[in-house]
N, C-alpha and C. Protein backbone atom coordinates (compact mmCIF):
# COMPACT_ATOMS: atom_id res chain seq x y z
N MET A 1 -22.69 -11.69 2.26
CA MET A 1 -21.38 -12.21 2.58
C MET A 1 -20.78 -11.35 3.68
N SER A 2 -20.23 -11.98 4.70
CA SER A 2 -19.67 -11.22 5.82
C SER A 2 -18.39 -10.51 5.38
N SER A 3 -18.02 -9.50 6.14
CA SER A 3 -16.84 -8.70 5.84
C SER A 3 -15.57 -9.55 5.86
N LEU A 4 -15.47 -10.46 6.82
CA LEU A 4 -14.29 -11.31 6.92
C LEU A 4 -14.17 -12.24 5.72
N VAL A 5 -15.27 -12.85 5.31
CA VAL A 5 -15.26 -13.75 4.17
C VAL A 5 -14.88 -12.97 2.90
N GLU A 6 -15.40 -11.77 2.76
CA GLU A 6 -15.08 -10.94 1.60
C GLU A 6 -13.60 -10.59 1.58
N GLN A 7 -13.02 -10.24 2.73
CA GLN A 7 -11.58 -9.94 2.80
C GLN A 7 -10.75 -11.14 2.42
N VAL A 8 -11.11 -12.32 2.90
CA VAL A 8 -10.36 -13.53 2.57
C VAL A 8 -10.45 -13.80 1.08
N ARG A 9 -11.63 -13.64 0.50
CA ARG A 9 -11.81 -13.88 -0.93
C ARG A 9 -10.93 -12.94 -1.75
N ILE A 10 -10.91 -11.67 -1.42
CA ILE A 10 -10.15 -10.67 -2.18
C ILE A 10 -8.65 -10.84 -1.96
N TRP A 11 -8.24 -11.04 -0.72
CA TRP A 11 -6.81 -11.02 -0.40
C TRP A 11 -6.14 -12.38 -0.41
N ASN A 12 -6.80 -13.37 -0.96
CA ASN A 12 -6.22 -14.71 -0.96
C ASN A 12 -5.09 -14.86 -1.98
N THR A 13 -4.89 -13.89 -2.84
CA THR A 13 -3.85 -13.99 -3.84
C THR A 13 -2.90 -12.79 -3.79
N PRO A 14 -1.61 -13.03 -3.83
CA PRO A 14 -0.65 -11.92 -3.83
C PRO A 14 -0.59 -11.18 -5.16
N ILE A 15 -1.32 -11.66 -6.18
CA ILE A 15 -1.36 -10.94 -7.45
C ILE A 15 -1.99 -9.58 -7.25
N LEU A 16 -3.06 -9.52 -6.50
CA LEU A 16 -3.68 -8.23 -6.20
C LEU A 16 -2.72 -7.37 -5.40
N GLY A 17 -2.01 -7.98 -4.46
CA GLY A 17 -1.02 -7.24 -3.68
C GLY A 17 0.06 -6.64 -4.55
N SER A 18 0.48 -7.36 -5.58
CA SER A 18 1.52 -6.82 -6.47
C SER A 18 1.01 -5.61 -7.23
N TYR A 19 -0.24 -5.65 -7.66
CA TYR A 19 -0.84 -4.49 -8.33
C TYR A 19 -0.89 -3.29 -7.39
N LEU A 20 -1.33 -3.53 -6.16
CA LEU A 20 -1.45 -2.42 -5.21
C LEU A 20 -0.08 -1.86 -4.82
N LEU A 21 0.92 -2.71 -4.70
CA LEU A 21 2.25 -2.22 -4.39
C LEU A 21 2.83 -1.43 -5.56
N TRP A 22 2.49 -1.82 -6.79
CA TRP A 22 2.91 -1.05 -7.95
C TRP A 22 2.27 0.34 -7.92
N ARG A 23 0.96 0.39 -7.62
CA ARG A 23 0.27 1.68 -7.55
C ARG A 23 0.82 2.53 -6.40
N PHE A 24 1.11 1.89 -5.27
CA PHE A 24 1.70 2.58 -4.13
C PHE A 24 3.05 3.18 -4.53
N SER A 25 3.90 2.38 -5.17
CA SER A 25 5.22 2.85 -5.59
C SER A 25 5.11 3.98 -6.61
N HIS A 26 4.15 3.86 -7.51
CA HIS A 26 3.94 4.91 -8.51
C HIS A 26 3.52 6.21 -7.83
N GLY A 27 2.60 6.14 -6.88
CA GLY A 27 2.17 7.33 -6.15
C GLY A 27 3.31 7.96 -5.37
N TYR A 28 4.12 7.12 -4.77
CA TYR A 28 5.27 7.60 -3.99
C TYR A 28 6.27 8.31 -4.90
N THR A 29 6.66 7.64 -5.98
CA THR A 29 7.70 8.16 -6.87
C THR A 29 7.25 9.45 -7.57
N SER A 30 6.02 9.47 -8.03
CA SER A 30 5.55 10.64 -8.77
C SER A 30 5.32 11.86 -7.88
N ASN A 31 5.23 11.67 -6.57
CA ASN A 31 4.99 12.80 -5.67
C ASN A 31 6.16 13.11 -4.75
N HIS A 32 7.20 12.29 -4.78
CA HIS A 32 8.36 12.55 -3.93
C HIS A 32 9.08 13.81 -4.42
N PRO A 33 9.49 14.69 -3.52
CA PRO A 33 10.15 15.93 -3.93
C PRO A 33 11.37 15.72 -4.83
N ASP A 34 12.10 14.61 -4.63
CA ASP A 34 13.28 14.33 -5.44
C ASP A 34 13.04 13.22 -6.46
N GLY A 35 11.81 12.73 -6.57
CA GLY A 35 11.47 11.66 -7.51
C GLY A 35 12.01 10.31 -7.12
N GLU A 36 12.38 10.12 -5.86
CA GLU A 36 12.91 8.83 -5.41
C GLU A 36 11.79 7.79 -5.31
N ALA A 37 12.18 6.54 -5.41
CA ALA A 37 11.26 5.43 -5.23
C ALA A 37 11.26 5.02 -3.75
N PRO A 38 10.21 4.36 -3.30
CA PRO A 38 10.15 3.94 -1.89
C PRO A 38 11.10 2.79 -1.59
N ILE A 39 11.64 2.81 -0.38
CA ILE A 39 12.46 1.67 0.03
C ILE A 39 11.53 0.50 0.31
N ILE A 40 12.06 -0.68 0.22
CA ILE A 40 11.24 -1.89 0.30
C ILE A 40 10.48 -2.00 1.62
N LEU A 41 11.04 -1.48 2.69
CA LEU A 41 10.41 -1.55 4.01
C LEU A 41 9.03 -0.88 4.03
N LEU A 42 8.88 0.19 3.27
CA LEU A 42 7.60 0.91 3.23
C LEU A 42 6.48 0.05 2.63
N HIS A 43 6.85 -0.89 1.77
CA HIS A 43 5.86 -1.75 1.15
C HIS A 43 5.21 -2.70 2.16
N PHE A 44 5.95 -3.05 3.20
CA PHE A 44 5.39 -3.89 4.25
C PHE A 44 4.32 -3.13 5.04
N MET A 45 4.58 -1.85 5.29
CA MET A 45 3.58 -1.01 5.97
C MET A 45 2.37 -0.80 5.08
N ALA A 46 2.62 -0.56 3.80
CA ALA A 46 1.51 -0.33 2.86
C ALA A 46 0.63 -1.57 2.74
N THR A 47 1.23 -2.74 2.65
CA THR A 47 0.44 -3.97 2.55
C THR A 47 -0.42 -4.17 3.79
N ALA A 48 0.13 -3.90 4.96
CA ALA A 48 -0.63 -4.06 6.20
C ALA A 48 -1.85 -3.15 6.20
N ILE A 49 -1.71 -1.96 5.66
CA ILE A 49 -2.84 -1.02 5.60
C ILE A 49 -3.82 -1.43 4.52
N LEU A 50 -3.32 -1.71 3.33
CA LEU A 50 -4.18 -1.93 2.17
C LEU A 50 -4.92 -3.27 2.18
N THR A 51 -4.56 -4.18 3.08
CA THR A 51 -5.24 -5.47 3.14
C THR A 51 -6.32 -5.52 4.22
N ASP A 52 -6.67 -4.38 4.77
CA ASP A 52 -7.73 -4.34 5.78
C ASP A 52 -8.69 -3.21 5.43
N GLN A 53 -9.95 -3.54 5.26
CA GLN A 53 -10.96 -2.54 4.90
C GLN A 53 -11.03 -1.41 5.91
N ARG A 54 -10.93 -1.74 7.19
CA ARG A 54 -11.05 -0.71 8.23
C ARG A 54 -9.88 0.26 8.18
N LEU A 55 -8.70 -0.19 7.76
CA LEU A 55 -7.54 0.68 7.66
C LEU A 55 -7.50 1.41 6.31
N THR A 56 -8.13 0.83 5.31
CA THR A 56 -8.13 1.43 3.97
C THR A 56 -9.24 2.47 3.81
N LYS A 57 -10.34 2.27 4.49
CA LYS A 57 -11.50 3.15 4.31
C LYS A 57 -11.18 4.64 4.50
N PRO A 58 -10.39 5.04 5.50
CA PRO A 58 -10.12 6.48 5.69
C PRO A 58 -9.17 7.09 4.65
N ILE A 59 -8.57 6.28 3.77
CA ILE A 59 -7.67 6.83 2.76
C ILE A 59 -8.50 7.51 1.69
N SER A 60 -8.26 8.79 1.52
CA SER A 60 -9.02 9.58 0.56
C SER A 60 -8.18 10.75 0.08
N ARG A 61 -8.37 11.13 -1.16
CA ARG A 61 -7.65 12.30 -1.69
C ARG A 61 -8.11 13.59 -1.01
N ASN A 62 -9.28 13.54 -0.38
CA ASN A 62 -9.79 14.72 0.32
C ASN A 62 -9.06 14.96 1.64
N ARG A 63 -8.44 13.92 2.15
CA ARG A 63 -7.69 14.02 3.40
C ARG A 63 -6.35 14.68 3.12
N LYS A 64 -5.85 15.47 4.07
CA LYS A 64 -4.63 16.25 3.85
C LYS A 64 -3.36 15.41 3.81
N GLY A 65 -3.32 14.32 4.52
CA GLY A 65 -2.10 13.52 4.51
C GLY A 65 -2.10 12.45 5.59
N LEU A 66 -0.91 11.94 5.85
CA LEU A 66 -0.74 10.84 6.79
C LEU A 66 -1.10 11.24 8.22
N GLN A 67 -0.84 12.49 8.60
CA GLN A 67 -1.21 12.95 9.95
C GLN A 67 -2.72 12.91 10.12
N SER A 68 -3.44 13.40 9.12
CA SER A 68 -4.90 13.40 9.18
C SER A 68 -5.44 11.98 9.20
N TYR A 69 -4.82 11.11 8.43
CA TYR A 69 -5.22 9.70 8.40
C TYR A 69 -5.08 9.07 9.78
N SER A 70 -3.92 9.23 10.41
CA SER A 70 -3.71 8.61 11.72
C SER A 70 -4.61 9.25 12.79
N ARG A 71 -4.84 10.53 12.68
CA ARG A 71 -5.71 11.23 13.63
C ARG A 71 -7.16 10.77 13.52
N SER A 72 -7.58 10.35 12.32
CA SER A 72 -8.97 9.93 12.12
C SER A 72 -9.34 8.72 12.98
N PHE A 73 -8.39 7.87 13.29
CA PHE A 73 -8.69 6.70 14.12
C PHE A 73 -8.94 7.08 15.57
N THR A 74 -8.25 8.10 16.04
CA THR A 74 -8.48 8.58 17.39
C THR A 74 -9.84 9.29 17.47
N GLU A 75 -10.12 10.11 16.48
CA GLU A 75 -11.38 10.85 16.46
C GLU A 75 -12.58 9.93 16.36
N ASN A 76 -12.45 8.83 15.63
CA ASN A 76 -13.55 7.89 15.44
C ASN A 76 -13.56 6.75 16.46
N LYS A 77 -12.67 6.86 17.44
CA LYS A 77 -12.56 5.86 18.51
C LYS A 77 -12.28 4.46 17.95
N ASP A 78 -11.46 4.41 16.91
CA ASP A 78 -11.03 3.15 16.32
C ASP A 78 -9.55 2.92 16.54
N ILE A 79 -9.04 3.40 17.65
CA ILE A 79 -7.61 3.34 17.91
C ILE A 79 -7.12 1.89 17.99
N ASP A 80 -7.97 0.96 18.43
CA ASP A 80 -7.56 -0.44 18.50
C ASP A 80 -7.27 -1.00 17.11
N VAL A 81 -8.05 -0.59 16.12
CA VAL A 81 -7.81 -1.01 14.74
C VAL A 81 -6.47 -0.45 14.27
N PHE A 82 -6.22 0.79 14.58
CA PHE A 82 -4.99 1.46 14.17
C PHE A 82 -3.77 0.82 14.83
N LEU A 83 -3.90 0.48 16.10
CA LEU A 83 -2.78 -0.11 16.83
C LEU A 83 -2.50 -1.56 16.42
N SER A 84 -3.41 -2.17 15.69
CA SER A 84 -3.19 -3.53 15.18
C SER A 84 -2.24 -3.54 13.99
N LEU A 85 -1.87 -2.39 13.51
CA LEU A 85 -1.01 -2.28 12.32
C LEU A 85 0.34 -2.99 12.51
N GLN A 86 0.94 -2.84 13.67
CA GLN A 86 2.24 -3.49 13.93
C GLN A 86 2.14 -5.00 13.75
N ASN A 87 1.11 -5.59 14.31
CA ASN A 87 0.92 -7.04 14.19
C ASN A 87 0.61 -7.43 12.74
N ARG A 88 -0.14 -6.62 12.03
CA ARG A 88 -0.48 -6.90 10.63
C ARG A 88 0.77 -6.89 9.75
N ILE A 89 1.71 -6.01 10.04
CA ILE A 89 2.95 -5.96 9.26
C ILE A 89 3.68 -7.29 9.39
N ILE A 90 3.71 -7.81 10.61
CA ILE A 90 4.40 -9.08 10.85
C ILE A 90 3.65 -10.25 10.22
N THR A 91 2.34 -10.32 10.41
CA THR A 91 1.57 -11.46 9.90
C THR A 91 1.45 -11.46 8.38
N HIS A 92 1.58 -10.31 7.74
CA HIS A 92 1.48 -10.23 6.28
C HIS A 92 2.85 -10.22 5.59
N ARG A 93 3.88 -10.52 6.33
CA ARG A 93 5.24 -10.48 5.80
C ARG A 93 5.41 -11.39 4.57
N ASN A 94 4.98 -12.64 4.67
CA ASN A 94 5.12 -13.58 3.54
C ASN A 94 4.27 -13.15 2.35
N TYR A 95 3.07 -12.65 2.64
CA TYR A 95 2.20 -12.14 1.58
C TYR A 95 2.89 -10.99 0.84
N THR A 96 3.52 -10.08 1.59
CA THR A 96 4.21 -8.95 0.98
C THR A 96 5.38 -9.42 0.15
N PHE A 97 6.17 -10.34 0.67
CA PHE A 97 7.29 -10.88 -0.12
C PHE A 97 6.78 -11.51 -1.42
N SER A 98 5.71 -12.28 -1.35
CA SER A 98 5.15 -12.90 -2.56
C SER A 98 4.65 -11.85 -3.54
N SER A 99 4.00 -10.82 -3.03
CA SER A 99 3.49 -9.74 -3.88
C SER A 99 4.63 -9.02 -4.58
N ILE A 100 5.70 -8.74 -3.85
CA ILE A 100 6.86 -8.07 -4.43
C ILE A 100 7.50 -8.96 -5.49
N ASP A 101 7.61 -10.25 -5.18
CA ASP A 101 8.19 -11.20 -6.13
C ASP A 101 7.40 -11.23 -7.44
N ILE A 102 6.09 -11.30 -7.34
CA ILE A 102 5.23 -11.32 -8.53
C ILE A 102 5.36 -10.01 -9.30
N ALA A 103 5.37 -8.88 -8.59
CA ALA A 103 5.48 -7.58 -9.24
C ALA A 103 6.79 -7.45 -10.00
N ILE A 104 7.86 -7.95 -9.44
CA ILE A 104 9.16 -7.91 -10.12
C ILE A 104 9.17 -8.87 -11.31
N ARG A 105 8.66 -10.07 -11.10
CA ARG A 105 8.65 -11.09 -12.16
C ARG A 105 7.86 -10.64 -13.38
N TYR A 106 6.76 -9.93 -13.17
CA TYR A 106 5.91 -9.51 -14.28
C TYR A 106 6.15 -8.07 -14.73
N GLY A 107 7.22 -7.46 -14.25
CA GLY A 107 7.62 -6.17 -14.77
C GLY A 107 6.89 -4.96 -14.22
N LEU A 108 6.20 -5.11 -13.11
CA LEU A 108 5.55 -3.94 -12.50
C LEU A 108 6.56 -3.12 -11.70
N LEU A 109 7.46 -3.79 -11.03
CA LEU A 109 8.46 -3.14 -10.19
C LEU A 109 9.85 -3.67 -10.52
N THR A 110 10.85 -2.83 -10.24
CA THR A 110 12.25 -3.23 -10.37
C THR A 110 12.94 -2.93 -9.05
N LEU A 111 13.66 -3.91 -8.51
CA LEU A 111 14.38 -3.74 -7.26
C LEU A 111 15.81 -3.31 -7.56
N ASN A 112 16.23 -2.23 -6.93
CA ASN A 112 17.63 -1.81 -7.00
C ASN A 112 18.28 -2.32 -5.71
N PRO A 113 19.13 -3.34 -5.79
CA PRO A 113 19.72 -3.92 -4.58
C PRO A 113 20.70 -2.99 -3.87
N ASP A 114 21.19 -1.97 -4.55
CA ASP A 114 22.13 -1.04 -3.93
C ASP A 114 21.48 -0.15 -2.89
N ASP A 115 20.24 0.28 -3.14
CA ASP A 115 19.57 1.16 -2.19
C ASP A 115 18.26 0.59 -1.66
N ALA A 116 17.94 -0.66 -2.01
CA ALA A 116 16.73 -1.36 -1.54
C ALA A 116 15.46 -0.59 -1.88
N ARG A 117 15.43 0.02 -3.05
CA ARG A 117 14.23 0.74 -3.50
C ARG A 117 13.55 -0.05 -4.61
N LEU A 118 12.22 0.03 -4.61
CA LEU A 118 11.43 -0.61 -5.65
C LEU A 118 10.90 0.47 -6.59
N TYR A 119 11.38 0.42 -7.82
CA TYR A 119 11.01 1.41 -8.83
C TYR A 119 9.84 0.91 -9.66
N PRO A 120 8.78 1.70 -9.80
CA PRO A 120 7.64 1.27 -10.61
C PRO A 120 7.91 1.51 -12.10
N HIS A 121 7.44 0.59 -12.91
CA HIS A 121 7.49 0.79 -14.36
C HIS A 121 6.27 1.60 -14.76
N THR A 122 6.46 2.50 -15.69
CA THR A 122 5.34 3.35 -16.10
C THR A 122 4.69 2.88 -17.39
N GLN A 123 5.42 2.18 -18.23
CA GLN A 123 4.88 1.70 -19.50
C GLN A 123 4.40 0.26 -19.34
N LEU A 124 3.12 0.09 -19.16
CA LEU A 124 2.55 -1.24 -19.03
C LEU A 124 1.57 -1.50 -20.16
N PRO A 125 1.46 -2.73 -20.61
CA PRO A 125 0.49 -3.03 -21.67
C PRO A 125 -0.93 -2.87 -21.15
N ARG A 126 -1.80 -2.44 -22.02
CA ARG A 126 -3.22 -2.33 -21.66
C ARG A 126 -3.81 -3.73 -21.52
N PRO A 127 -4.74 -3.90 -20.58
CA PRO A 127 -5.34 -5.23 -20.41
C PRO A 127 -6.13 -5.64 -21.65
N LYS A 128 -6.10 -6.92 -21.95
CA LYS A 128 -6.85 -7.43 -23.09
C LYS A 128 -8.33 -7.44 -22.76
N ARG A 129 -9.12 -7.50 -23.78
CA ARG A 129 -10.58 -7.49 -23.63
C ARG A 129 -11.03 -8.57 -22.65
N GLY A 130 -11.86 -8.19 -21.72
CA GLY A 130 -12.36 -9.12 -20.72
C GLY A 130 -11.48 -9.24 -19.49
N ASN A 131 -10.32 -8.58 -19.50
CA ASN A 131 -9.41 -8.67 -18.36
C ASN A 131 -9.28 -7.35 -17.62
N ALA A 132 -10.19 -6.44 -17.84
CA ALA A 132 -10.13 -5.15 -17.17
C ALA A 132 -10.37 -5.33 -15.67
N LEU A 133 -9.83 -4.41 -14.90
CA LEU A 133 -9.98 -4.47 -13.44
C LEU A 133 -11.41 -4.12 -13.03
N LYS A 134 -11.86 -4.77 -11.99
CA LYS A 134 -13.17 -4.46 -11.42
C LYS A 134 -13.10 -3.08 -10.77
N PRO A 135 -14.22 -2.38 -10.70
CA PRO A 135 -14.22 -1.04 -10.08
C PRO A 135 -13.71 -1.06 -8.63
N SER A 136 -14.01 -2.12 -7.88
CA SER A 136 -13.54 -2.18 -6.49
C SER A 136 -12.02 -2.28 -6.43
N ILE A 137 -11.41 -2.98 -7.38
CA ILE A 137 -9.95 -3.10 -7.42
C ILE A 137 -9.34 -1.79 -7.87
N LYS A 138 -9.97 -1.12 -8.84
CA LYS A 138 -9.49 0.20 -9.27
C LYS A 138 -9.52 1.18 -8.11
N SER A 139 -10.57 1.13 -7.32
CA SER A 139 -10.69 2.01 -6.17
C SER A 139 -9.58 1.75 -5.15
N LEU A 140 -9.29 0.47 -4.91
CA LEU A 140 -8.18 0.12 -4.01
C LEU A 140 -6.85 0.62 -4.58
N GLY A 141 -6.69 0.52 -5.89
CA GLY A 141 -5.48 1.02 -6.53
C GLY A 141 -5.31 2.52 -6.35
N GLU A 142 -6.41 3.25 -6.45
CA GLU A 142 -6.36 4.70 -6.23
C GLU A 142 -5.99 5.02 -4.78
N ARG A 143 -6.52 4.25 -3.87
CA ARG A 143 -6.18 4.45 -2.46
C ARG A 143 -4.70 4.11 -2.21
N ALA A 144 -4.21 3.06 -2.86
CA ALA A 144 -2.79 2.70 -2.73
C ALA A 144 -1.91 3.84 -3.25
N GLU A 145 -2.30 4.45 -4.35
CA GLU A 145 -1.53 5.55 -4.91
C GLU A 145 -1.57 6.77 -3.98
N THR A 146 -2.72 7.03 -3.39
CA THR A 146 -2.84 8.13 -2.43
C THR A 146 -1.95 7.86 -1.22
N LEU A 147 -1.95 6.63 -0.74
CA LEU A 147 -1.09 6.27 0.39
C LEU A 147 0.38 6.48 0.04
N GLY A 148 0.77 6.09 -1.15
CA GLY A 148 2.14 6.32 -1.61
C GLY A 148 2.48 7.80 -1.65
N ASN A 149 1.54 8.61 -2.08
CA ASN A 149 1.73 10.06 -2.09
C ASN A 149 1.96 10.57 -0.67
N TRP A 150 1.17 10.12 0.27
CA TRP A 150 1.33 10.55 1.66
C TRP A 150 2.68 10.13 2.21
N PHE A 151 3.07 8.88 1.96
CA PHE A 151 4.35 8.38 2.45
C PHE A 151 5.51 9.19 1.87
N SER A 152 5.39 9.64 0.64
CA SER A 152 6.49 10.34 -0.03
C SER A 152 6.80 11.68 0.61
N GLN A 153 5.91 12.18 1.42
CA GLN A 153 6.10 13.49 2.03
C GLN A 153 6.84 13.42 3.37
N HIS A 154 7.23 12.22 3.79
CA HIS A 154 7.85 12.03 5.11
C HIS A 154 9.07 11.12 5.02
N GLU A 155 9.94 11.26 6.00
CA GLU A 155 11.04 10.32 6.19
C GLU A 155 10.48 9.06 6.84
N ILE A 156 11.21 7.96 6.74
CA ILE A 156 10.72 6.69 7.26
C ILE A 156 10.49 6.76 8.78
N SER A 157 11.32 7.48 9.50
CA SER A 157 11.14 7.59 10.95
C SER A 157 9.84 8.34 11.29
N GLN A 158 9.50 9.34 10.49
CA GLN A 158 8.26 10.08 10.70
C GLN A 158 7.05 9.19 10.40
N ILE A 159 7.15 8.40 9.33
CA ILE A 159 6.06 7.49 8.98
C ILE A 159 5.81 6.48 10.11
N ALA A 160 6.91 5.92 10.62
CA ALA A 160 6.78 4.95 11.72
C ALA A 160 6.14 5.59 12.94
N ALA A 161 6.53 6.83 13.24
CA ALA A 161 5.95 7.51 14.40
C ALA A 161 4.47 7.81 14.19
N LEU A 162 4.11 8.27 13.01
CA LEU A 162 2.71 8.58 12.71
C LEU A 162 1.82 7.32 12.72
N LEU A 163 2.38 6.21 12.27
CA LEU A 163 1.62 4.96 12.22
C LEU A 163 1.76 4.13 13.49
N LYS A 164 2.57 4.62 14.41
CA LYS A 164 2.78 3.96 15.72
C LYS A 164 3.31 2.53 15.54
N VAL A 165 4.31 2.38 14.66
CA VAL A 165 4.94 1.08 14.46
C VAL A 165 6.41 1.17 14.80
N VAL A 166 6.98 0.03 15.16
CA VAL A 166 8.40 -0.04 15.49
C VAL A 166 9.10 -0.73 14.34
N LEU A 167 10.14 -0.12 13.84
CA LEU A 167 10.89 -0.70 12.72
C LEU A 167 12.05 -1.51 13.22
């Protein structure tokens, strides 16, 4: 199966996106110096990254942070992939909204309208027998949490500069 067909098969549903945004929010909140939750705008950047294998592959706990992540694209001569992030944020806007909606509806995230932050719920029911996540989805979830950790170490303006996106 080609890489493009595999991406379409995996990302055709915002349910997976809601899980990844929950993991991203959890990683952000648990590692933020003040324990704050991410503002909703960061979820659009996270979705753009997490829905592309080429952008997700360099995310690793072995990497020092967001600076190292962005630098890896220059070192590997994949800067064109990295610069496509701005367009991906725009094209995945509806997908991100749907993912956030599902996450809120099913109790993964809570939106605080006063500060536009999405708070992750920590107490979730265990999946019933036969409904466990596939290892590939678990791996994506771990990468989403790592990305959230990296984002939590920076202000939004720094994140935008490191990712070369315009807010």
